[in-house]
Amino acid sequence: MELQQYSCLVLDLHDASRALAPTAFQDWAIARLRRDLPFTSARWSVGCIADEDILHSACYGTRPEFDRELHDIRERDDVRQRLVNEVGVTTMKSGHSADRFLRRFDQHHDLHSLVATAVPDASGKLLQVISLYRNESAQPFTDADRVVKQMLAPHLMQAWQGSWSHAQVTRDEPQALLSPDGGVIDADPRFSAMLYAAWPGWCGRRIVLTEAGFEGPPGVTAKVCIVPVAGGVPGAQRVMIRPNRSGALTARERTVAEHYATGLSYKEIAKVLGISPDTVRSYIKCCYTKLAVGNKMQLQAALGCRN
């Protein structure tokens, strides 16, 4: 790859990171990379350095079972071991493996040559691995290709993180990106700060969502709520955090408000709770004021901690 071609690719990556949402950027970046460094398939994954867990991965041009079968052979995978042992160094491999299980995997997925790089993020906690593959009908990767891939890998990661950061500043609420099992792939610093302020003992690595919000001590879930929002990257969930205004209600106020939100009238609530309809009306008025809502739909959203 010529220097001018390389420079244009890097500039395109960083320009796109400011213009595209993370999902669109990742797909665009793979397609853009393929123009200058051809490959037949690719995988872009994010994992924890501490335990090597994969939090998220996006595959391009691979069979549906690729990720699952790659996980099954991870203990035998010599490329994986080289990536972990030489973070930041691009690994290149051509030809089939001597190990019969790896050879069967290569043949099943038509993998004959690869270049892969593991790059740590700024925090040193996450590792992104970007792997490019060529099948037997394509020319194997050369050492020149390996050098180009090594130079590009940090730019790919920084640009992807830039697209995520840019997406954050365009929204009012602090957000985070979670893997299917709740692992934190990335988070707005404001998200982490708000959660740590409400929950000093939070481990910083996992958030388990529930229908009511998220798993945590009652005192924490009374202060903040975490809810899913649109967007994210393939195989990951975007969430936002905000103050749980319903935590300001007294137990009786919340009970009255919940009955009202389900559709009961003042008289029906009064009968259930053994109070007068005027008292119910006073409670509802107080709840509207505390929760800063103006109608029943907004009240339902505030009580359920949902959009």
Foldseek 3Di string as FASTA:
>chain_A
DDPVVLVVLLVVLQVVLLVDALAVSVVVNVVSVCVVQNFQKKKKWKAWLVVRHTQDMDIGNWDPCLVVLCVVCVVVDPLNVVQNVDALAKDKDAAFDPDPSRNVSCVVGQFGIKIKHWYADPVNTMIMMMMGTHGPVDDHDDVVSRVSCSVCVVSNVVSSVSSNVSVQVVDDFWKFKGAPQFFTRGTDPVQVVVQCVLPVPDPNTGWAADQLATDDPPSSCLFKGKEWDDDHHPRITMITMDTLLVSPDDPVLLVLLVVVLVPDALVRSCVVVVHHSVVSVVSVVVQCVSQVDDDSVSSVCSSSVHD
